[in-house]
Amino acid sequence: MRVYLEALENAANVSENTELDFVRLDATGKDEDEVLNDLKSMLDPDKSYIIRKHYCKHEERQPCEVEILETQMIILFKLLISEECRQIQL
């Protein structure tokens, strides 16, 4: 089994015709905290991502499993703050 750490841009924050960012790093036999830090360093700080651990079982002829590690809601947070400020001004 291979293990990957992945970042998938949150689809809620992009327009319909936009391609989502996707980054996958091989974490098989490696320090996962170090791989996770490497992955996060590659991400656009102005976008939000779903960070997940992908257990790839293709070599074993079994289905893969995916575990959500965290969701970064940077853009959504910015939008909520902007909406609160707009409401205060009304």
Protein backbone atom coordinates (compact mmCIF):
# COMPACT_ATOMS: atom_id res chain seq x y z
CA MET A 1 0.00 0.00 0.00
CA ARG A 2 1.17 3.48 -0.82
CA VAL A 3 0.27 6.53 1.27
CA TYR A 4 -0.13 10.02 -0.18
CA LEU A 5 -0.89 13.36 1.41
CA GLU A 6 -3.04 15.49 -0.86
CA ALA A 7 -4.41 19.00 -1.00
CA LEU A 8 -7.52 19.66 -3.07
CA GLU A 9 -8.75 23.22 -3.50
CA ASN A 10 -12.16 23.72 -1.96
CA ALA A 11 -14.67 23.69 -4.85
CA ALA A 12 -17.06 26.03 -3.05
CA ASN A 13 -14.68 28.93 -3.65
CA VAL A 14 -14.16 28.75 -7.42
CA SER A 15 -16.22 29.55 -10.47
CA GLU A 16 -17.78 26.82 -12.58
CA ASN A 17 -15.13 26.77 -15.34
CA THR A 18 -12.08 26.98 -13.08
CA GLU A 19 -9.73 24.04 -12.67
CA LEU A 20 -9.10 23.19 -9.02
CA ASP A 21 -5.60 23.11 -7.53
CA PHE A 22 -4.49 19.61 -6.60
CA VAL A 23 -1.17 18.60 -5.02
CA ARG A 24 -0.19 15.03 -4.08
CA LEU A 25 3.00 14.06 -2.25
CA ASP A 26 4.13 10.50 -1.63
CA ALA A 27 4.34 9.87 2.12
CA THR A 28 5.02 6.13 1.96
CA GLY A 29 7.68 5.28 4.55
CA LYS A 30 8.33 8.97 5.31
CA ASP A 31 7.73 11.24 8.29
CA GLU A 32 4.15 12.36 7.64
CA ASP A 33 4.52 15.61 9.59
CA GLU A 34 7.44 16.58 7.38
CA VAL A 35 5.52 15.66 4.21
CA LEU A 36 2.50 17.60 5.49
CA ASN A 37 4.66 20.69 6.08
CA ASP A 38 6.11 20.34 2.57
CA LEU A 39 2.60 20.04 1.14
CA LYS A 40 1.32 23.11 2.98
CA SER A 41 4.32 25.15 1.84
CA MET A 42 3.27 24.52 -1.77
CA LEU A 43 -0.27 25.87 -1.36
CA ASP A 44 -1.60 29.28 -2.34
CA PRO A 45 -2.27 31.13 0.95
CA ASP A 46 -5.26 32.94 -0.58
CA LYS A 47 -7.14 29.72 -1.34
CA SER A 48 -8.79 27.15 0.87
CA TYR A 49 -7.98 23.44 0.65
CA ILE A 50 -9.07 20.07 1.90
CA ILE A 51 -6.01 18.21 3.19
CA ARG A 52 -6.38 14.45 3.04
CA LYS A 53 -4.49 11.21 3.50
CA HIS A 54 -4.91 8.78 0.59
CA TYR A 55 -4.35 5.10 1.27
CA CYS A 56 -3.73 3.75 -2.24
CA LYS A 57 -4.44 0.05 -2.43
CA HIS A 58 -4.35 -0.44 -6.20
CA GLU A 59 -1.36 -2.76 -5.97
CA GLU A 60 -3.39 -4.98 -3.62
CA ARG A 61 -6.36 -4.83 -6.03
CA GLN A 62 -8.48 -3.16 -3.36
CA PRO A 63 -10.26 0.18 -3.33
CA CYS A 64 -8.43 3.22 -2.02
CA GLU A 65 -9.41 4.91 1.23
CA VAL A 66 -9.25 8.63 1.93
CA GLU A 67 -9.10 10.28 5.36
CA ILE A 68 -9.78 14.01 5.72
CA LEU A 69 -7.04 15.52 7.88
CA GLU A 70 -8.13 19.15 7.84
CA THR A 71 -10.05 21.75 5.93
CA GLN A 72 -8.53 25.17 5.44
CA MET A 73 -11.31 27.70 5.11
CA ILE A 74 -9.25 30.83 4.50
CA ILE A 75 -11.37 32.35 1.72
CA LEU A 76 -14.67 31.47 3.38
CA PHE A 77 -13.47 33.17 6.56
CA LYS A 78 -12.54 36.30 4.57
CA LEU A 79 -15.97 36.33 2.93
CA LEU A 80 -17.73 36.00 6.28
CA ILE A 81 -15.74 38.89 7.72
CA SER A 82 -16.53 41.03 4.66
CA GLU A 83 -20.24 40.22 4.97
CA GLU A 84 -20.24 41.12 8.68
CA CYS A 85 -18.56 44.46 7.92
CA ARG A 86 -21.09 45.20 5.17
CA GLN A 87 -24.00 44.47 7.51
CA ILE A 88 -22.58 46.74 10.19
CA GLN A 89 -22.36 49.59 7.68
CA LEU A 90 -26.04 49.17 6.65
